[in-house]
């Protein structure tokens, strides 16, 4: 279907020009891909419908689009770009029973918040499983970032995260490297 087809940069730039926020269901993938091919996306705020809504808290089985659609009573032809976009629009408009607000309102509230990336540099190898259980991900350094474990957390959880590192990982006082992220750099390779 896409063999021999091409996406014109000017058409994408024109389409995205007035967007206040770009929402993707896996923004950590989509943003990196989009920024590589269309520089306009580097200037935009991004939100992630997969990670910036705590779907389980709102009664869903997980954050995969198929789970969300099923939980909301919908069905669609998965993995066709246009169908996935329409499906996501339905999910974002869906009123969450726990808040009586549409999922989009929750996503936008989260996207507006700053998050902090905590780098757990030079951690002992044998503690990797403890870091993984806590939500840390590994950066292999191939994208210019540190070769290290890291986690993105809400600002309000910073003291708790540092206490975890001091008592469970380093066993001493430590001041990890911190990076403040906003919707303008979160999910980007630049972060």
C-alpha atoms as a PDB file:
ATOM      1  CA  UNK A   1       0.000   0.000   0.000  1.00  0.00           C
ATOM      2  CA  UNK A   2       2.812   2.417   0.731  1.00  0.00           C
ATOM      3  CA  UNK A   3       5.317   1.162  -1.843  1.00  0.00           C
ATOM      4  CA  UNK A   4       6.422   4.062  -4.027  1.00  0.00           C
ATOM      5  CA  UNK A   5       4.456   6.575  -1.938  1.00  0.00           C
ATOM      6  CA  UNK A   6       5.964   9.637  -0.325  1.00  0.00           C
ATOM      7  CA  UNK A   7       4.951  12.021   2.441  1.00  0.00           C
ATOM      8  CA  UNK A   8       5.638  15.632   1.497  1.00  0.00           C
ATOM      9  CA  UNK A   9       7.367  17.648   4.233  1.00  0.00           C
ATOM     10  CA  UNK A  10       5.523  20.823   3.240  1.00  0.00           C
ATOM     11  CA  UNK A  11       2.149  19.082   3.589  1.00  0.00           C
ATOM     12  CA  UNK A  12       3.071  17.742   7.044  1.00  0.00           C
ATOM     13  CA  UNK A  13       4.416  21.123   8.171  1.00  0.00           C
ATOM     14  CA  UNK A  14       1.287  22.889   6.955  1.00  0.00           C
ATOM     15  CA  UNK A  15      -0.946  20.337   8.676  1.00  0.00           C
ATOM     16  CA  UNK A  16       0.938  20.511  12.012  1.00  0.00           C
ATOM     17  CA  UNK A  17       1.682  24.241  11.999  1.00  0.00           C
ATOM     18  CA  UNK A  18      -1.235  25.372  14.195  1.00  0.00           C
ATOM     19  CA  UNK A  19      -1.244  22.359  16.532  1.00  0.00           C
ATOM     20  CA  UNK A  20      -0.880  23.293  20.187  1.00  0.00           C
ATOM     21  CA  UNK A  21      -0.134  19.705  21.207  1.00  0.00           C
ATOM     22  CA  UNK A  22       0.535  16.476  19.317  1.00  0.00           C
ATOM     23  CA  UNK A  23      -0.942  13.353  20.888  1.00  0.00           C
ATOM     24  CA  UNK A  24       0.295   9.865  20.087  1.00  0.00           C
ATOM     25  CA  UNK A  25      -0.507   6.541  21.679  1.00  0.00           C
ATOM     26  CA  UNK A  26       3.183   5.735  21.981  1.00  0.00           C
ATOM     27  CA  UNK A  27       4.782   9.167  21.961  1.00  0.00           C
ATOM     28  CA  UNK A  28       8.219   7.825  22.908  1.00  0.00           C
ATOM     29  CA  UNK A  29       8.298   6.104  19.502  1.00  0.00           C
ATOM     30  CA  UNK A  30       6.227   8.481  17.398  1.00  0.00           C
ATOM     31  CA  UNK A  31       7.951  11.683  18.509  1.00  0.00           C
ATOM     32  CA  UNK A  32      11.455  10.422  17.755  1.00  0.00           C
ATOM     33  CA  UNK A  33      10.325   9.163  14.353  1.00  0.00           C
ATOM     34  CA  UNK A  34       8.414  12.358  13.530  1.00  0.00           C
ATOM     35  CA  UNK A  35      11.218  14.686  14.607  1.00  0.00           C
ATOM     36  CA  UNK A  36      13.687  12.800  12.436  1.00  0.00           C
ATOM     37  CA  UNK A  37      11.653  13.361   9.272  1.00  0.00           C
ATOM     38  CA  UNK A  38       9.704  16.557   9.972  1.00  0.00           C
ATOM     39  CA  UNK A  39      11.515  19.197  12.068  1.00  0.00           C
ATOM     40  CA  UNK A  40       8.261  21.029  12.862  1.00  0.00           C
ATOM     41  CA  UNK A  41       7.561  18.363  15.489  1.00  0.00           C
ATOM     42  CA  UNK A  42      10.628  19.447  17.498  1.00  0.00           C
ATOM     43  CA  UNK A  43       8.819  22.700  18.337  1.00  0.00           C
ATOM     44  CA  UNK A  44       5.576  21.121  19.484  1.00  0.00           C
ATOM     45  CA  UNK A  45       4.310  20.007  22.865  1.00  0.00           C
ATOM     46  CA  UNK A  46       3.575  16.262  22.932  1.00  0.00           C
ATOM     47  CA  UNK A  47       1.264  14.108  24.984  1.00  0.00           C
ATOM     48  CA  UNK A  48       1.133  10.328  25.234  1.00  0.00           C
ATOM     49  CA  UNK A  49      -2.252   8.667  25.550  1.00  0.00           C
ATOM     50  CA  UNK A  50      -0.597   5.366  26.491  1.00  0.00           C
ATOM     51  CA  UNK A  51       1.470   6.627  29.437  1.00  0.00           C
ATOM     52  CA  UNK A  52      -0.035   9.918  30.606  1.00  0.00           C
ATOM     53  CA  UNK A  53      -3.371   8.410  31.597  1.00  0.00           C
ATOM     54  CA  UNK A  54      -3.306   5.798  34.359  1.00  0.00           C
ATOM     55  CA  UNK A  55      -5.730   3.523  32.524  1.00  0.00           C
ATOM     56  CA  UNK A  56      -5.694   0.753  35.155  1.00  0.00           C
ATOM     57  CA  UNK A  57      -6.724   3.270  37.810  1.00  0.00           C
ATOM     58  CA  UNK A  58      -9.749   4.045  35.647  1.00  0.00           C
ATOM     59  CA  UNK A  59     -10.792   0.380  35.350  1.00  0.00           C
ATOM     60  CA  UNK A  60      -9.073  -0.707  32.110  1.00  0.00           C
ATOM     61  CA  UNK A  61      -6.984  -3.879  31.770  1.00  0.00           C
ATOM     62  CA  UNK A  62      -4.002  -2.054  30.302  1.00  0.00           C
ATOM     63  CA  UNK A  63      -2.967   0.805  28.070  1.00  0.00           C
ATOM     64  CA  UNK A  64      -2.850  -0.995  24.711  1.00  0.00           C
ATOM     65  CA  UNK A  65      -5.290   0.583  22.290  1.00  0.00           C
ATOM     66  CA  UNK A  66      -7.139  -2.717  21.829  1.00  0.00           C
ATOM     67  CA  UNK A  67      -7.680  -3.063  25.607  1.00  0.00           C
ATOM     68  CA  UNK A  68      -8.936   0.502  25.834  1.00  0.00           C
ATOM     69  CA  UNK A  69     -11.341   0.060  22.952  1.00  0.00           C
ATOM     70  CA  UNK A  70     -12.654  -3.190  24.402  1.00  0.00           C
ATOM     71  CA  UNK A  71     -13.092  -1.594  27.815  1.00  0.00           C
ATOM     72  CA  UNK A  72     -15.008   1.301  26.261  1.00  0.00           C
ATOM     73  CA  UNK A  73     -17.183  -1.042  24.188  1.00  0.00           C
ATOM     74  CA  UNK A  74     -15.587  -0.413  20.789  1.00  0.00           C
ATOM     75  CA  UNK A  75     -13.967  -2.559  18.118  1.00  0.00           C
ATOM     76  CA  UNK A  76     -11.773  -1.518  15.181  1.00  0.00           C
ATOM     77  CA  UNK A  77      -9.454  -2.768  12.454  1.00  0.00           C
ATOM     78  CA  UNK A  78      -6.143  -2.561  14.329  1.00  0.00           C
ATOM     79  CA  UNK A  79      -2.908  -1.217  12.920  1.00  0.00           C
ATOM     80  CA  UNK A  80      -4.289   0.784  10.024  1.00  0.00           C
ATOM     81  CA  UNK A  81      -3.098   4.344  10.629  1.00  0.00           C
ATOM     82  CA  UNK A  82      -6.409   6.082   9.932  1.00  0.00           C
ATOM     83  CA  UNK A  83      -8.398   3.486  11.888  1.00  0.00           C
ATOM     84  CA  UNK A  84      -6.009   3.772  14.845  1.00  0.00           C
ATOM     85  CA  UNK A  85      -6.346   7.581  14.789  1.00  0.00           C
ATOM     86  CA  UNK A  86     -10.148   7.404  14.760  1.00  0.00           C
ATOM     87  CA  UNK A  87     -10.077   4.794  17.523  1.00  0.00           C
ATOM     88  CA  UNK A  88      -7.830   6.995  19.653  1.00  0.00           C
ATOM     89  CA  UNK A  89     -10.166   9.958  19.157  1.00  0.00           C
ATOM     90  CA  UNK A  90     -13.022   7.833  20.500  1.00  0.00           C
ATOM     91  CA  UNK A  91     -10.959   6.766  23.503  1.00  0.00           C
ATOM     92  CA  UNK A  92      -9.891  10.323  24.289  1.00  0.00           C
ATOM     93  CA  UNK A  93     -13.520  11.465  24.116  1.00  0.00           C
ATOM     94  CA  UNK A  94     -14.621   8.552  26.342  1.00  0.00           C
ATOM     95  CA  UNK A  95     -15.871   9.738  29.721  1.00  0.00           C
ATOM     96  CA  UNK A  96     -13.953   7.887  32.423  1.00  0.00           C
ATOM     97  CA  UNK A  97     -16.332   6.423  35.030  1.00  0.00           C
ATOM     98  CA  UNK A  98     -13.954   7.266  37.895  1.00  0.00           C
ATOM     99  CA  UNK A  99     -13.814  10.997  37.119  1.00  0.00           C
ATOM    100  CA  UNK A 100     -16.795  11.735  34.848  1.00  0.00           C
ATOM    101  CA  UNK A 101     -14.272  13.538  32.652  1.00  0.00           C
ATOM    102  CA  UNK A 102     -13.107  12.584  29.185  1.00  0.00           C
ATOM    103  CA  UNK A 103      -9.758  10.816  29.017  1.00  0.00           C
ATOM    104  CA  UNK A 104      -8.435  13.782  27.020  1.00  0.00           C
ATOM    105  CA  UNK A 105      -8.838  16.044  30.077  1.00  0.00           C
ATOM    106  CA  UNK A 106      -6.689  13.685  32.177  1.00  0.00           C
ATOM    107  CA  UNK A 107      -4.063  13.437  29.431  1.00  0.00           C
ATOM    108  CA  UNK A 108      -3.844  17.231  29.011  1.00  0.00           C
ATOM    109  CA  UNK A 109      -3.560  17.737  32.762  1.00  0.00           C
ATOM    110  CA  UNK A 110      -0.626  15.300  32.891  1.00  0.00           C
ATOM    111  CA  UNK A 111       1.015  16.735  29.780  1.00  0.00           C
ATOM    112  CA  UNK A 112       1.064  20.194  31.392  1.00  0.00           C
ATOM    113  CA  UNK A 113       3.024  18.922  34.401  1.00  0.00           C
ATOM    114  CA  UNK A 114       6.773  18.852  34.613  1.00  0.00           C
ATOM    115  CA  UNK A 115       8.383  15.502  35.163  1.00  0.00           C
ATOM    116  CA  UNK A 116      11.851  14.780  36.426  1.00  0.00           C
ATOM    117  CA  UNK A 117      14.192  12.255  34.887  1.00  0.00           C
ATOM    118  CA  UNK A 118      16.320  10.701  37.613  1.00  0.00           C
ATOM    119  CA  UNK A 119      19.565   9.135  36.403  1.00  0.00           C
ATOM    120  CA  UNK A 120      20.849   6.229  38.506  1.00  0.00           C
ATOM    121  CA  UNK A 121      24.388   6.329  37.193  1.00  0.00           C
ATOM    122  CA  UNK A 122      27.077   3.781  38.070  1.00  0.00           C
ATOM    123  CA  UNK A 123      24.728   1.422  39.842  1.00  0.00           C
ATOM    124  CA  UNK A 124      25.848  -2.095  40.734  1.00  0.00           C
ATOM    125  CA  UNK A 125      24.888  -4.576  38.001  1.00  0.00           C
ATOM    126  CA  UNK A 126      23.305  -7.000  40.454  1.00  0.00           C
ATOM    127  CA  UNK A 127      20.690  -4.368  41.382  1.00  0.00           C
ATOM    128  CA  UNK A 128      19.321  -4.011  37.825  1.00  0.00           C
ATOM    129  CA  UNK A 129      16.212  -6.064  38.650  1.00  0.00           C
ATOM    130  CA  UNK A 130      15.343  -3.777  41.583  1.00  0.00           C
ATOM    131  CA  UNK A 131      15.643  -0.788  39.271  1.00  0.00           C
ATOM    132  CA  UNK A 132      13.497  -2.467  36.596  1.00  0.00           C
ATOM    133  CA  UNK A 133      10.775  -3.296  39.143  1.00  0.00           C
ATOM    134  CA  UNK A 134      10.737   0.391  40.079  1.00  0.00           C
ATOM    135  CA  UNK A 135      10.208   1.417  36.444  1.00  0.00           C
ATOM    136  CA  UNK A 136      13.775   2.342  35.501  1.00  0.00           C
ATOM    137  CA  UNK A 137      14.808   1.899  31.884  1.00  0.00           C
ATOM    138  CA  UNK A 138      18.273   1.362  30.475  1.00  0.00           C
ATOM    139  CA  UNK A 139      19.943   3.896  28.208  1.00  0.00           C
ATOM    140  CA  UNK A 140      22.776   2.244  26.298  1.00  0.00           C
ATOM    141  CA  UNK A 141      24.293   5.628  25.435  1.00  0.00           C
ATOM    142  CA  UNK A 142      23.881   5.155  21.692  1.00  0.00           C
ATOM    143  CA  UNK A 143      21.654   8.235  21.397  1.00  0.00           C
ATOM    144  CA  UNK A 144      24.058  10.592  23.189  1.00  0.00           C
ATOM    145  CA  UNK A 145      22.501  10.127  26.618  1.00  0.00           C
ATOM    146  CA  UNK A 146      24.333   8.624  29.571  1.00  0.00           C
ATOM    147  CA  UNK A 147      24.896   4.885  29.635  1.00  0.00           C
ATOM    148  CA  UNK A 148      22.771   4.443  32.698  1.00  0.00           C
ATOM    149  CA  UNK A 149      19.451   3.539  34.273  1.00  0.00           C
ATOM    150  CA  UNK A 150      16.820   6.289  34.452  1.00  0.00           C
ATOM    151  CA  UNK A 151      13.200   6.852  35.424  1.00  0.00           C
ATOM    152  CA  UNK A 152      10.783   9.690  34.720  1.00  0.00           C
ATOM    153  CA  UNK A 153       8.695  10.679  37.744  1.00  0.00           C
ATOM    154  CA  UNK A 154       6.232  13.312  38.828  1.00  0.00           C
ATOM    155  CA  UNK A 155       7.865  16.244  40.646  1.00  0.00           C
ATOM    156  CA  UNK A 156       6.024  15.352  43.847  1.00  0.00           C
ATOM    157  CA  UNK A 157       7.754  11.939  44.024  1.00  0.00           C
ATOM    158  CA  UNK A 158      11.355  13.181  43.846  1.00  0.00           C
ATOM    159  CA  UNK A 159      12.139  12.904  47.585  1.00  0.00           C
ATOM    160  CA  UNK A 160      10.717   9.372  47.642  1.00  0.00           C
ATOM    161  CA  UNK A 161      12.815   8.369  44.622  1.00  0.00           C
ATOM    162  CA  UNK A 162      16.037   9.764  46.083  1.00  0.00           C
ATOM    163  CA  UNK A 163      15.297   7.937  49.363  1.00  0.00           C
ATOM    164  CA  UNK A 164      14.877   4.693  47.372  1.00  0.00           C
ATOM    165  CA  UNK A 165      18.242   5.202  45.652  1.00  0.00           C
ATOM    166  CA  UNK A 166      19.989   6.045  48.922  1.00  0.00           C
ATOM    167  CA  UNK A 167      18.598   3.114  50.908  1.00  0.00           C
ATOM    168  CA  UNK A 168      18.183   0.371  48.292  1.00  0.00           C
ATOM    169  CA  UNK A 169      20.751   1.024  45.559  1.00  0.00           C
ATOM    170  CA  UNK A 170      23.713   3.132  46.678  1.00  0.00           C
ATOM    171  CA  UNK A 171      23.470   2.556  50.478  1.00  0.00           C
ATOM    172  CA  UNK A 172      24.744   6.099  51.063  1.00  0.00           C
ATOM    173  CA  UNK A 173      23.765   9.693  50.490  1.00  0.00           C
ATOM    174  CA  UNK A 174      23.622  10.423  46.805  1.00  0.00           C
ATOM    175  CA  UNK A 175      22.562  13.323  44.647  1.00  0.00           C
ATOM    176  CA  UNK A 176      21.553  11.779  41.338  1.00  0.00           C
ATOM    177  CA  UNK A 177      21.652  13.790  38.141  1.00  0.00           C
ATOM    178  CA  UNK A 178      18.210  15.226  37.486  1.00  0.00           C
ATOM    179  CA  UNK A 179      16.663  16.474  34.279  1.00  0.00           C
ATOM    180  CA  UNK A 180      13.436  18.493  34.174  1.00  0.00           C
ATOM    181  CA  UNK A 181      11.152  17.571  31.292  1.00  0.00           C
ATOM    182  CA  UNK A 182       8.093  19.301  29.867  1.00  0.00           C
ATOM    183  CA  UNK A 183       5.726  18.463  27.027  1.00  0.00           C
ATOM    184  CA  UNK A 184       8.144  20.293  24.727  1.00  0.00           C
ATOM    185  CA  UNK A 185      10.996  17.825  25.268  1.00  0.00           C
ATOM    186  CA  UNK A 186       9.424  14.773  26.918  1.00  0.00           C
ATOM    187  CA  UNK A 187       9.520  11.696  24.610  1.00  0.00           C
ATOM    188  CA  UNK A 188      12.108  13.398  22.365  1.00  0.00           C
ATOM    189  CA  UNK A 189      15.548  12.057  21.580  1.00  0.00           C
ATOM    190  CA  UNK A 190      16.704  15.499  22.759  1.00  0.00           C
ATOM    191  CA  UNK A 191      15.612  14.694  26.326  1.00  0.00           C
END
